[in-house]
N, C-alpha and C. Protein backbone atom coordinates (compact mmCIF):
# COMPACT_ATOMS: atom_id res chain seq x y z
N MET A 1 174.37 132.62 98.50
CA MET A 1 173.63 131.70 97.65
C MET A 1 173.42 130.38 98.39
N ASN A 2 172.36 129.67 98.02
CA ASN A 2 172.01 128.44 98.69
C ASN A 2 171.52 127.44 97.67
N THR A 3 171.59 126.17 98.00
CA THR A 3 171.20 125.14 97.04
C THR A 3 169.72 124.81 97.10
N GLU A 4 168.99 125.36 98.06
CA GLU A 4 167.59 125.02 98.20
C GLU A 4 166.74 126.26 98.40
N TYR A 5 165.49 126.18 97.93
CA TYR A 5 164.50 127.20 98.25
C TYR A 5 163.99 126.92 99.66
N ASN A 6 163.43 127.93 100.29
CA ASN A 6 162.77 127.74 101.57
C ASN A 6 161.50 126.93 101.33
N THR A 7 161.46 125.70 101.78
CA THR A 7 160.35 124.81 101.47
C THR A 7 159.06 125.20 102.19
N SER A 8 159.14 126.14 103.13
CA SER A 8 157.93 126.58 103.82
C SER A 8 157.12 127.55 102.96
N LEU A 9 157.72 128.06 101.89
CA LEU A 9 157.01 128.98 101.01
C LEU A 9 156.06 128.20 100.12
N ARG A 10 154.87 128.73 99.95
CA ARG A 10 153.85 128.05 99.15
C ARG A 10 154.11 128.28 97.67
N SER A 11 154.16 127.21 96.89
CA SER A 11 154.39 127.33 95.46
C SER A 11 153.23 126.71 94.70
N LEU A 12 153.05 127.18 93.47
CA LEU A 12 151.98 126.70 92.59
C LEU A 12 152.59 126.23 91.28
N GLN A 13 151.86 125.40 90.58
CA GLN A 13 152.32 124.93 89.28
C GLN A 13 152.06 125.98 88.20
N ILE A 14 152.99 126.08 87.26
CA ILE A 14 152.87 126.98 86.12
C ILE A 14 152.47 126.17 84.90
N ASP A 15 151.50 126.66 84.15
CA ASP A 15 151.11 126.03 82.89
C ASP A 15 152.06 126.49 81.80
N ARG A 16 152.74 125.55 81.17
CA ARG A 16 153.72 125.89 80.13
C ARG A 16 153.09 126.69 79.00
N GLU A 17 151.85 126.39 78.65
CA GLU A 17 151.19 127.09 77.56
C GLU A 17 151.02 128.58 77.87
N ASP A 18 150.81 128.91 79.13
CA ASP A 18 150.70 130.32 79.52
C ASP A 18 152.00 131.06 79.24
N MET A 19 153.13 130.41 79.55
CA MET A 19 154.43 131.03 79.31
C MET A 19 154.72 131.16 77.82
N LEU A 20 154.32 130.15 77.05
CA LEU A 20 154.53 130.21 75.60
C LEU A 20 153.70 131.31 74.97
N ALA A 21 152.51 131.57 75.52
CA ALA A 21 151.66 132.65 75.00
C ALA A 21 152.38 133.99 75.13
N ILE A 22 153.13 134.16 76.21
CA ILE A 22 153.89 135.40 76.42
C ILE A 22 155.11 135.46 75.50
N THR A 23 155.85 134.37 75.43
CA THR A 23 157.11 134.41 74.68
C THR A 23 156.89 134.49 73.17
N ARG A 24 155.76 134.01 72.69
CA ARG A 24 155.48 134.12 71.25
C ARG A 24 155.44 135.57 70.78
N ARG A 25 155.11 136.47 71.69
CA ARG A 25 155.04 137.89 71.35
C ARG A 25 156.38 138.58 71.41
N MET A 26 157.38 137.91 71.90
CA MET A 26 158.67 138.55 72.14
C MET A 26 159.58 138.46 70.92
N THR A 27 159.13 139.06 69.83
CA THR A 27 159.95 139.23 68.63
C THR A 27 159.98 140.71 68.31
N VAL A 28 160.94 141.13 67.52
CA VAL A 28 161.08 142.54 67.19
C VAL A 28 159.81 143.08 66.54
N LYS A 29 159.16 142.28 65.70
CA LYS A 29 157.97 142.74 64.99
C LYS A 29 156.71 142.69 65.84
N ARG A 30 156.63 141.76 66.78
CA ARG A 30 155.38 141.55 67.51
C ARG A 30 155.41 142.09 68.94
N THR A 31 156.57 142.52 69.40
CA THR A 31 156.68 142.88 70.81
C THR A 31 155.70 143.97 71.24
N SER A 32 155.20 143.82 72.47
CA SER A 32 154.37 144.85 73.08
C SER A 32 155.06 145.46 74.29
N VAL A 33 156.36 145.18 74.46
CA VAL A 33 157.13 145.79 75.55
C VAL A 33 157.13 147.30 75.35
N THR A 34 156.78 148.02 76.38
CA THR A 34 156.66 149.48 76.26
C THR A 34 157.93 150.20 76.68
N ARG A 35 158.65 149.63 77.65
CA ARG A 35 159.78 150.38 78.23
C ARG A 35 160.80 149.42 78.82
N ILE A 36 162.05 149.85 78.82
CA ILE A 36 163.12 149.10 79.47
C ILE A 36 163.89 150.06 80.38
N ALA A 37 164.22 149.58 81.56
CA ALA A 37 165.00 150.38 82.51
C ALA A 37 165.95 149.44 83.23
N GLY A 38 166.96 150.01 83.86
CA GLY A 38 167.88 149.14 84.58
C GLY A 38 169.00 149.88 85.25
N ALA A 39 169.84 149.10 85.92
CA ALA A 39 170.98 149.66 86.63
C ALA A 39 172.16 148.72 86.48
N TYR A 40 173.35 149.31 86.41
CA TYR A 40 174.59 148.54 86.41
C TYR A 40 175.17 148.60 87.82
N MET A 41 175.48 147.42 88.36
CA MET A 41 175.87 147.32 89.76
C MET A 41 177.30 146.79 89.88
N ASP A 42 178.05 147.29 90.86
CA ASP A 42 179.36 146.72 91.11
C ASP A 42 179.20 145.50 92.03
N PRO A 43 180.25 144.70 92.23
CA PRO A 43 180.11 143.48 93.02
C PRO A 43 179.63 143.71 94.45
N ASP A 44 179.83 144.91 94.97
CA ASP A 44 179.40 145.22 96.33
C ASP A 44 177.95 145.71 96.39
N GLY A 45 177.29 145.79 95.24
CA GLY A 45 175.88 146.17 95.23
C GLY A 45 175.62 147.65 95.10
N PHE A 46 176.65 148.43 94.72
CA PHE A 46 176.45 149.86 94.53
C PHE A 46 176.16 150.16 93.06
N ILE A 47 175.32 151.15 92.82
CA ILE A 47 174.90 151.51 91.46
C ILE A 47 176.01 152.25 90.74
N ASP A 48 176.40 151.74 89.57
CA ASP A 48 177.40 152.42 88.73
C ASP A 48 176.75 153.32 87.69
N GLY A 49 175.51 153.04 87.35
CA GLY A 49 174.81 153.83 86.35
C GLY A 49 173.43 153.25 86.10
N THR A 50 172.54 154.07 85.56
CA THR A 50 171.18 153.62 85.28
C THR A 50 170.77 154.04 83.87
N PHE A 51 169.70 153.45 83.38
CA PHE A 51 169.12 153.83 82.09
C PHE A 51 167.61 153.60 82.13
N ASN A 52 166.89 154.30 81.29
CA ASN A 52 165.43 154.20 81.24
C ASN A 52 164.97 154.81 79.92
N THR A 53 164.33 154.00 79.07
CA THR A 53 163.92 154.52 77.77
C THR A 53 162.73 153.74 77.23
N ARG A 54 162.01 154.36 76.30
CA ARG A 54 160.95 153.66 75.58
C ARG A 54 161.58 152.56 74.75
N PHE A 55 160.97 151.39 74.75
CA PHE A 55 161.56 150.25 74.07
C PHE A 55 161.67 150.48 72.57
N LEU A 56 160.68 151.12 71.99
CA LEU A 56 160.68 151.32 70.55
C LEU A 56 161.70 152.35 70.09
N LYS A 57 162.33 153.06 71.03
CA LYS A 57 163.39 153.99 70.67
C LYS A 57 164.72 153.27 70.42
N LEU A 58 164.81 152.03 70.86
CA LEU A 58 166.04 151.26 70.65
C LEU A 58 166.17 150.89 69.18
N SER A 59 167.39 150.68 68.74
CA SER A 59 167.62 150.19 67.38
C SER A 59 167.08 148.76 67.27
N GLY A 60 166.89 148.30 66.07
CA GLY A 60 166.38 146.95 65.86
C GLY A 60 167.26 145.90 66.51
N SER A 61 168.58 146.06 66.39
CA SER A 61 169.51 145.09 66.97
C SER A 61 169.46 145.12 68.50
N ASP A 62 169.33 146.32 69.08
CA ASP A 62 169.25 146.42 70.54
C ASP A 62 167.93 145.86 71.06
N ARG A 63 166.85 146.06 70.30
CA ARG A 63 165.57 145.46 70.69
C ARG A 63 165.68 143.94 70.70
N ALA A 64 166.27 143.40 69.65
CA ALA A 64 166.40 141.94 69.56
C ALA A 64 167.25 141.40 70.71
N LYS A 65 168.35 142.08 71.01
CA LYS A 65 169.26 141.64 72.07
C LYS A 65 168.56 141.68 73.43
N ASN A 66 167.81 142.74 73.70
CA ASN A 66 167.14 142.85 74.98
C ASN A 66 165.93 141.94 75.09
N LEU A 67 165.26 141.67 73.98
CA LEU A 67 164.15 140.72 74.01
C LEU A 67 164.64 139.31 74.34
N GLU A 68 165.84 138.97 73.90
CA GLU A 68 166.41 137.67 74.25
C GLU A 68 166.63 137.56 75.75
N ILE A 69 167.07 138.67 76.37
CA ILE A 69 167.24 138.68 77.82
C ILE A 69 165.90 138.50 78.51
N ALA A 70 164.90 139.28 78.10
CA ALA A 70 163.57 139.21 78.72
C ALA A 70 162.94 137.84 78.50
N LYS A 71 163.03 137.33 77.29
CA LYS A 71 162.37 136.08 76.92
C LYS A 71 162.92 134.89 77.70
N SER A 72 164.19 134.95 78.08
CA SER A 72 164.80 133.82 78.75
C SER A 72 164.14 133.51 80.10
N ILE A 73 163.45 134.48 80.68
CA ILE A 73 162.79 134.23 81.97
C ILE A 73 161.52 133.40 81.78
N PRO A 74 160.50 133.85 81.01
CA PRO A 74 159.31 133.01 80.84
C PRO A 74 159.55 131.74 80.04
N PHE A 75 160.61 131.72 79.22
CA PHE A 75 160.88 130.56 78.37
C PHE A 75 161.69 129.49 79.11
N ALA A 76 162.07 129.77 80.35
CA ALA A 76 162.87 128.82 81.13
C ALA A 76 162.06 127.56 81.44
N GLN A 77 162.76 126.55 81.93
CA GLN A 77 162.09 125.29 82.27
C GLN A 77 161.00 125.53 83.30
N THR A 78 159.78 125.30 82.88
CA THR A 78 158.61 125.55 83.73
C THR A 78 158.59 124.60 84.92
N ASN A 79 158.37 125.18 86.10
CA ASN A 79 158.33 124.43 87.37
C ASN A 79 159.68 123.78 87.71
N GLY A 80 160.73 124.23 87.02
CA GLY A 80 162.09 123.80 87.32
C GLY A 80 162.92 125.02 87.62
N ASN A 81 163.48 125.62 86.56
CA ASN A 81 164.22 126.87 86.74
C ASN A 81 163.30 128.06 87.01
N LEU A 82 162.04 127.95 86.58
CA LEU A 82 161.05 129.00 86.82
C LEU A 82 159.97 128.44 87.73
N LYS A 83 159.84 129.01 88.93
CA LYS A 83 158.87 128.52 89.90
C LYS A 83 157.94 129.64 90.33
N ARG A 84 156.71 129.25 90.63
CA ARG A 84 155.69 130.22 91.02
C ARG A 84 155.47 130.17 92.53
N TYR A 85 155.41 131.37 93.12
CA TYR A 85 155.20 131.47 94.56
C TYR A 85 154.06 132.42 94.89
N VAL A 86 153.32 132.06 95.92
CA VAL A 86 152.32 132.95 96.48
C VAL A 86 153.04 133.89 97.45
N ILE A 87 152.87 135.18 97.25
CA ILE A 87 153.48 136.15 98.16
C ILE A 87 152.66 136.17 99.45
N PRO A 88 153.26 135.85 100.59
CA PRO A 88 152.49 135.79 101.84
C PRO A 88 151.76 137.09 102.13
N GLU A 89 150.58 136.96 102.70
CA GLU A 89 149.76 138.14 102.98
C GLU A 89 150.49 139.15 103.85
N ASN A 90 151.29 138.66 104.81
CA ASN A 90 152.00 139.58 105.70
C ASN A 90 153.19 140.25 105.03
N SER A 91 153.44 139.90 103.74
CA SER A 91 154.51 140.53 102.98
C SER A 91 153.98 141.48 101.91
N ARG A 92 152.70 141.83 102.02
CA ARG A 92 152.09 142.70 101.01
C ARG A 92 151.69 144.06 101.59
N GLY A 93 152.12 144.35 102.79
CA GLY A 93 151.69 145.58 103.45
C GLY A 93 152.44 146.82 102.99
N LYS A 94 152.21 147.90 103.72
CA LYS A 94 152.81 149.19 103.41
C LYS A 94 154.33 149.09 103.43
N GLU A 95 154.97 149.70 102.42
CA GLU A 95 156.42 149.75 102.26
C GLU A 95 157.05 148.38 102.01
N SER A 96 156.25 147.41 101.60
CA SER A 96 156.77 146.08 101.28
C SER A 96 157.32 146.04 99.86
N MET A 97 158.09 145.01 99.56
CA MET A 97 158.57 144.80 98.19
C MET A 97 157.39 144.63 97.24
N TYR A 98 156.33 143.98 97.72
CA TYR A 98 155.13 143.80 96.90
C TYR A 98 154.54 145.14 96.47
N GLN A 99 154.40 146.06 97.42
CA GLN A 99 153.86 147.38 97.11
C GLN A 99 154.79 148.16 96.18
N LEU A 100 156.09 147.98 96.36
CA LEU A 100 157.06 148.65 95.49
C LEU A 100 156.91 148.16 94.05
N LEU A 101 156.81 146.84 93.87
CA LEU A 101 156.65 146.28 92.53
C LEU A 101 155.32 146.68 91.90
N MET A 102 154.28 146.75 92.70
CA MET A 102 152.98 147.19 92.18
C MET A 102 153.07 148.63 91.70
N GLY A 103 153.81 149.46 92.43
CA GLY A 103 153.98 150.86 92.02
C GLY A 103 154.80 150.98 90.75
N ILE A 104 155.87 150.19 90.65
CA ILE A 104 156.69 150.21 89.44
C ILE A 104 155.87 149.74 88.25
N ARG A 105 155.07 148.73 88.45
CA ARG A 105 154.21 148.21 87.36
C ARG A 105 153.20 149.25 86.91
N SER A 106 152.51 149.87 87.85
CA SER A 106 151.46 150.82 87.49
C SER A 106 152.03 152.08 86.85
N SER A 107 153.30 152.41 87.15
CA SER A 107 153.94 153.58 86.54
C SER A 107 154.51 153.25 85.16
N GLY A 108 154.50 151.99 84.78
CA GLY A 108 155.06 151.61 83.49
C GLY A 108 156.55 151.89 83.39
N LEU A 109 157.28 151.78 84.51
CA LEU A 109 158.72 152.04 84.61
C LEU A 109 159.06 153.52 84.44
N GLU A 110 158.09 154.40 84.58
CA GLU A 110 158.36 155.83 84.38
C GLU A 110 158.63 156.58 85.68
N ASN A 111 158.64 155.86 86.80
CA ASN A 111 158.94 156.49 88.08
C ASN A 111 160.36 156.09 88.50
N ASP A 112 161.32 156.96 88.22
CA ASP A 112 162.72 156.65 88.50
C ASP A 112 163.00 156.51 89.99
N ALA A 113 162.25 157.23 90.81
CA ALA A 113 162.48 157.15 92.26
C ALA A 113 162.16 155.74 92.77
N LEU A 114 161.05 155.17 92.31
CA LEU A 114 160.70 153.81 92.72
C LEU A 114 161.72 152.80 92.21
N LEU A 115 162.16 152.99 90.98
CA LEU A 115 163.15 152.08 90.42
C LEU A 115 164.46 152.13 91.21
N GLU A 116 164.88 153.32 91.59
CA GLU A 116 166.13 153.43 92.34
C GLU A 116 166.03 152.72 93.68
N ILE A 117 164.87 152.81 94.32
CA ILE A 117 164.67 152.09 95.58
C ILE A 117 164.83 150.59 95.35
N PHE A 118 164.24 150.10 94.24
CA PHE A 118 164.34 148.68 93.93
C PHE A 118 165.79 148.28 93.68
N TYR A 119 166.53 149.07 92.92
CA TYR A 119 167.94 148.75 92.65
C TYR A 119 168.74 148.71 93.95
N GLU A 120 168.50 149.69 94.81
CA GLU A 120 169.24 149.75 96.07
C GLU A 120 168.92 148.56 96.96
N LYS A 121 167.64 148.20 97.03
CA LYS A 121 167.25 147.05 97.86
C LYS A 121 167.87 145.76 97.31
N THR A 122 167.89 145.64 95.98
CA THR A 122 168.50 144.46 95.37
C THR A 122 170.00 144.44 95.64
N GLY A 123 170.65 145.58 95.49
CA GLY A 123 172.08 145.66 95.74
C GLY A 123 172.45 145.30 97.17
N GLU A 124 171.59 145.64 98.12
CA GLU A 124 171.83 145.33 99.52
C GLU A 124 171.80 143.83 99.79
N ARG A 125 170.97 143.11 99.02
CA ARG A 125 170.75 141.69 99.31
C ARG A 125 171.47 140.74 98.37
N TYR A 126 171.64 141.15 97.11
CA TYR A 126 172.16 140.23 96.10
C TYR A 126 173.62 139.91 96.34
N ARG A 127 173.98 138.64 96.23
CA ARG A 127 175.36 138.20 96.46
C ARG A 127 176.02 137.91 95.12
N SER A 128 177.09 138.64 94.83
CA SER A 128 177.78 138.47 93.56
C SER A 128 179.26 138.78 93.72
N ASP A 129 180.09 138.08 92.94
CA ASP A 129 181.53 138.37 92.95
C ASP A 129 181.96 139.07 91.66
N HIS A 130 180.96 139.61 90.93
CA HIS A 130 181.27 140.29 89.67
C HIS A 130 180.24 141.40 89.43
N GLU A 131 180.54 142.25 88.45
CA GLU A 131 179.59 143.29 88.08
C GLU A 131 178.36 142.65 87.45
N TYR A 132 177.20 143.27 87.67
CA TYR A 132 175.97 142.73 87.10
C TYR A 132 175.00 143.86 86.76
N GLY A 133 174.04 143.52 85.94
CA GLY A 133 173.01 144.49 85.56
C GLY A 133 171.64 144.01 85.99
N ILE A 134 170.81 144.94 86.39
CA ILE A 134 169.40 144.66 86.69
C ILE A 134 168.59 145.24 85.53
N PHE A 135 167.95 144.38 84.76
CA PHE A 135 167.19 144.80 83.59
C PHE A 135 165.70 144.63 83.87
N MET A 136 164.96 145.73 83.73
CA MET A 136 163.51 145.72 83.98
C MET A 136 162.77 146.00 82.67
N PHE A 137 161.76 145.18 82.40
CA PHE A 137 160.92 145.34 81.21
C PHE A 137 159.46 145.50 81.63
N HIS A 138 158.77 146.42 80.98
CA HIS A 138 157.33 146.58 81.22
C HIS A 138 156.59 146.21 79.94
N ASP A 139 155.58 145.37 80.08
CA ASP A 139 154.85 144.87 78.91
C ASP A 139 153.35 144.93 79.17
N ARG A 140 152.62 145.18 78.12
CA ARG A 140 151.15 145.10 78.15
C ARG A 140 150.72 144.12 77.07
N TYR A 141 150.35 142.94 77.52
CA TYR A 141 149.97 141.87 76.61
C TYR A 141 148.46 141.85 76.43
N ASP A 142 147.99 142.10 75.21
CA ASP A 142 146.56 142.02 74.91
C ASP A 142 146.17 140.56 74.79
N ILE A 143 145.38 140.09 75.72
CA ILE A 143 145.00 138.68 75.76
C ILE A 143 143.96 138.41 74.69
N PRO A 144 144.24 137.52 73.74
CA PRO A 144 143.28 137.28 72.66
C PRO A 144 142.01 136.61 73.16
N SER A 145 140.87 137.05 72.64
CA SER A 145 139.59 136.43 72.98
C SER A 145 139.46 135.12 72.22
N LYS A 146 138.99 134.09 72.91
CA LYS A 146 138.83 132.79 72.27
C LYS A 146 137.47 132.20 72.60
N ALA A 147 136.94 131.44 71.65
CA ALA A 147 135.68 130.74 71.86
C ALA A 147 135.93 129.49 72.69
N ALA A 148 134.88 128.76 72.99
CA ALA A 148 135.01 127.56 73.82
C ALA A 148 135.91 126.52 73.18
N ASP A 149 136.01 126.53 71.85
CA ASP A 149 136.87 125.57 71.16
C ASP A 149 138.28 126.10 70.95
N HIS A 150 138.61 127.23 71.64
CA HIS A 150 139.93 127.84 71.64
C HIS A 150 140.30 128.54 70.33
N VAL A 151 139.33 128.70 69.45
CA VAL A 151 139.57 129.44 68.22
C VAL A 151 139.55 130.92 68.54
N ARG A 152 140.56 131.66 68.07
CA ARG A 152 140.64 133.09 68.36
C ARG A 152 139.49 133.83 67.70
N LEU A 153 138.83 134.71 68.47
CA LEU A 153 137.67 135.44 67.97
C LEU A 153 138.02 136.78 67.34
N GLY A 154 139.11 137.38 67.75
CA GLY A 154 139.45 138.68 67.18
C GLY A 154 140.02 139.61 68.23
N GLU A 155 139.37 140.74 68.45
CA GLU A 155 139.90 141.75 69.36
C GLU A 155 139.97 141.23 70.79
N SER A 156 141.01 141.66 71.50
CA SER A 156 141.19 141.23 72.88
C SER A 156 140.22 141.97 73.79
N GLU A 157 139.86 141.32 74.88
CA GLU A 157 138.96 141.91 75.87
C GLU A 157 139.70 142.30 77.14
N GLU A 158 140.86 141.70 77.37
CA GLU A 158 141.62 141.95 78.59
C GLU A 158 143.08 142.21 78.26
N MET A 159 143.76 142.83 79.21
CA MET A 159 145.17 143.12 79.04
C MET A 159 145.92 142.66 80.29
N PHE A 160 147.04 142.02 80.08
CA PHE A 160 147.91 141.58 81.16
C PHE A 160 149.11 142.50 81.22
N GLU A 161 149.17 143.32 82.26
CA GLU A 161 150.27 144.26 82.45
C GLU A 161 151.24 143.67 83.47
N TYR A 162 152.51 143.60 83.10
CA TYR A 162 153.44 142.90 83.97
C TYR A 162 154.88 143.40 83.79
N LEU A 163 155.72 142.95 84.72
CA LEU A 163 157.15 143.27 84.70
C LEU A 163 157.95 141.99 84.52
N ILE A 164 159.04 142.09 83.79
CA ILE A 164 160.06 141.05 83.80
C ILE A 164 161.34 141.70 84.31
N CYS A 165 161.98 141.03 85.24
CA CYS A 165 163.28 141.49 85.74
C CYS A 165 164.30 140.40 85.47
N ALA A 166 165.45 140.78 84.94
CA ALA A 166 166.54 139.84 84.71
C ALA A 166 167.82 140.41 85.32
N VAL A 167 168.50 139.59 86.10
CA VAL A 167 169.79 139.97 86.67
C VAL A 167 170.87 139.24 85.88
N CYS A 168 171.73 140.00 85.21
CA CYS A 168 172.71 139.42 84.29
C CYS A 168 174.12 139.88 84.64
N PRO A 169 175.11 139.01 84.48
CA PRO A 169 176.49 139.48 84.60
C PRO A 169 176.80 140.44 83.46
N VAL A 170 177.61 141.45 83.71
CA VAL A 170 177.99 142.39 82.65
C VAL A 170 179.50 142.54 82.62
N THR A 171 180.01 142.86 81.44
CA THR A 171 181.44 143.11 81.27
C THR A 171 181.72 144.60 81.50
N GLY A 172 182.97 144.97 81.39
CA GLY A 172 183.35 146.36 81.62
C GLY A 172 182.70 147.34 80.68
N ASP A 173 182.32 146.87 79.49
CA ASP A 173 181.63 147.75 78.54
C ASP A 173 180.11 147.61 78.62
N TYR A 174 179.64 147.04 79.74
CA TYR A 174 178.20 146.88 80.02
C TYR A 174 177.50 145.91 79.10
N LYS A 175 178.25 145.01 78.48
CA LYS A 175 177.62 143.97 77.66
C LYS A 175 177.07 142.89 78.58
N ALA A 176 175.78 142.58 78.43
CA ALA A 176 175.11 141.66 79.34
C ALA A 176 175.25 140.21 78.89
N GLY A 177 175.47 139.33 79.85
CA GLY A 177 175.45 137.90 79.59
C GLY A 177 174.06 137.34 79.87
N SER A 178 173.95 136.03 79.87
CA SER A 178 172.67 135.38 80.12
C SER A 178 172.23 135.61 81.57
N PRO A 179 170.92 135.77 81.80
CA PRO A 179 170.44 136.03 83.17
C PRO A 179 170.84 134.94 84.16
N GLU A 180 171.25 135.37 85.34
CA GLU A 180 171.54 134.45 86.44
C GLU A 180 170.26 134.13 87.20
N CYS A 181 169.38 135.10 87.27
CA CYS A 181 168.11 134.93 87.94
C CYS A 181 167.19 136.09 87.54
N GLY A 182 165.97 136.05 88.03
CA GLY A 182 165.02 137.10 87.69
C GLY A 182 163.62 136.71 88.10
N PHE A 183 162.63 137.44 87.58
CA PHE A 183 161.25 137.13 87.94
C PHE A 183 160.27 137.75 86.96
N ILE A 184 159.04 137.25 87.02
CA ILE A 184 157.89 137.83 86.33
C ILE A 184 156.89 138.23 87.40
N PHE A 185 156.43 139.47 87.35
CA PHE A 185 155.45 139.94 88.32
C PHE A 185 154.42 140.83 87.66
N PRO A 186 153.13 140.59 87.93
CA PRO A 186 152.59 139.42 88.62
C PRO A 186 152.60 138.20 87.72
N SER A 187 152.23 137.05 88.27
CA SER A 187 152.17 135.83 87.47
C SER A 187 150.98 135.88 86.51
N TYR A 188 151.07 135.05 85.48
CA TYR A 188 150.03 134.99 84.46
C TYR A 188 149.46 133.57 84.39
N ALA A 189 148.13 133.46 84.40
CA ALA A 189 147.50 132.15 84.31
C ALA A 189 146.07 132.29 83.82
N LYS A 190 145.69 131.39 82.95
CA LYS A 190 144.31 131.30 82.47
C LYS A 190 143.78 132.62 81.92
N GLY A 191 144.66 133.35 81.24
CA GLY A 191 144.22 134.57 80.59
C GLY A 191 144.13 135.79 81.49
N GLY A 192 144.79 135.78 82.64
CA GLY A 192 144.73 136.94 83.52
C GLY A 192 145.88 136.96 84.51
N ALA A 193 145.92 138.02 85.31
CA ALA A 193 147.00 138.21 86.28
C ALA A 193 146.67 137.58 87.62
N LEU A 194 147.66 136.91 88.19
CA LEU A 194 147.58 136.45 89.58
C LEU A 194 148.34 137.47 90.42
N LEU A 195 147.62 138.46 90.91
CA LEU A 195 148.27 139.62 91.51
C LEU A 195 149.06 139.31 92.77
N ASN A 196 148.77 138.21 93.43
CA ASN A 196 149.48 137.88 94.66
C ASN A 196 150.54 136.80 94.46
N CYS A 197 150.91 136.56 93.18
CA CYS A 197 151.91 135.55 92.88
C CYS A 197 153.05 136.14 92.06
N ILE A 198 154.19 135.49 92.15
CA ILE A 198 155.38 135.91 91.41
C ILE A 198 156.11 134.67 90.92
N ASP A 199 156.61 134.70 89.69
CA ASP A 199 157.39 133.60 89.13
C ASP A 199 158.87 133.96 89.21
N ILE A 200 159.64 133.15 89.89
CA ILE A 200 161.05 133.44 90.13
C ILE A 200 161.94 132.48 89.36
N TYR A 201 162.92 133.05 88.68
CA TYR A 201 163.82 132.27 87.81
C TYR A 201 165.20 132.15 88.44
N GLN A 202 165.75 130.94 88.34
CA GLN A 202 167.14 130.69 88.74
C GLN A 202 167.81 129.90 87.63
N ALA A 203 168.92 130.41 87.12
CA ALA A 203 169.60 129.73 86.01
C ALA A 203 170.25 128.43 86.46
N ASP A 204 170.83 128.43 87.66
CA ASP A 204 171.57 127.27 88.16
C ASP A 204 170.89 126.77 89.44
N MET A 205 170.18 125.67 89.33
CA MET A 205 169.43 125.17 90.48
C MET A 205 170.35 124.54 91.54
N SER A 206 171.61 124.36 91.21
CA SER A 206 172.55 123.85 92.21
C SER A 206 173.19 124.99 93.00
N CYS A 207 172.93 126.21 92.57
CA CYS A 207 173.52 127.39 93.23
C CYS A 207 172.49 128.52 93.21
N VAL A 208 171.42 128.34 93.96
CA VAL A 208 170.28 129.25 93.94
C VAL A 208 170.59 130.55 94.68
N HIS A 209 170.15 131.66 94.09
CA HIS A 209 170.23 132.96 94.79
C HIS A 209 169.03 133.06 95.72
N ARG A 210 169.17 132.41 96.86
CA ARG A 210 168.07 132.38 97.83
C ARG A 210 167.76 133.78 98.35
N GLU A 211 168.78 134.65 98.39
CA GLU A 211 168.56 135.99 98.91
C GLU A 211 167.56 136.77 98.05
N LEU A 212 167.51 136.47 96.75
CA LEU A 212 166.54 137.12 95.88
C LEU A 212 165.13 136.63 96.21
N VAL A 213 164.99 135.32 96.43
CA VAL A 213 163.69 134.76 96.79
C VAL A 213 163.20 135.38 98.09
N GLU A 214 164.06 135.47 99.08
CA GLU A 214 163.67 136.04 100.37
C GLU A 214 163.30 137.51 100.24
N MET A 215 164.01 138.25 99.40
CA MET A 215 163.71 139.66 99.21
C MET A 215 162.33 139.85 98.57
N LEU A 216 162.01 139.01 97.60
CA LEU A 216 160.76 139.17 96.87
C LEU A 216 159.55 138.66 97.65
N LEU A 217 159.78 137.72 98.56
CA LEU A 217 158.67 137.12 99.28
C LEU A 217 158.60 137.54 100.72
């Protein structure tokens, strides 16, 4: 872990209203999250177990609990704990993390082989002195159509498909704590996806998981 981000990486400003548009949907009644998947990791980065299920198959209490985990990423302090980065062009090629995340996104978390690669790559890089969980959420947000005066017109014309990842400490019974870090991919702005950008979350800015930033970028 490190106290600073690599300042050579290009970052962009996040509009707080864009993040609020996403988090407003993250309630048990309004959620559009389609699927949740994840892995439980030991302190050395080895997989102890995995899970993958349709979100609506969860009980109401489990949906609420997991939505709180997911929501904490976009609801974090904008341009503080949550920062937006442009993924360098030379990091988007064949077999890159970018291509892996694009594949996981397009599969809607239904490709377990791609997910396992992601868990293994994270385990290789992530620095932790305790057990942790990697929680992945897939969402399809129907972007509401609005007139020039921002009044909602009705049916949506576009859809924002994205992933939220949260890395959380877990107890022996796999109970998750608050996320230590995570990301939103791709980024969301002005009613659409920024396919070459990623929003990275760090809970403690005095003890940044720089290895996660380097892995993603």
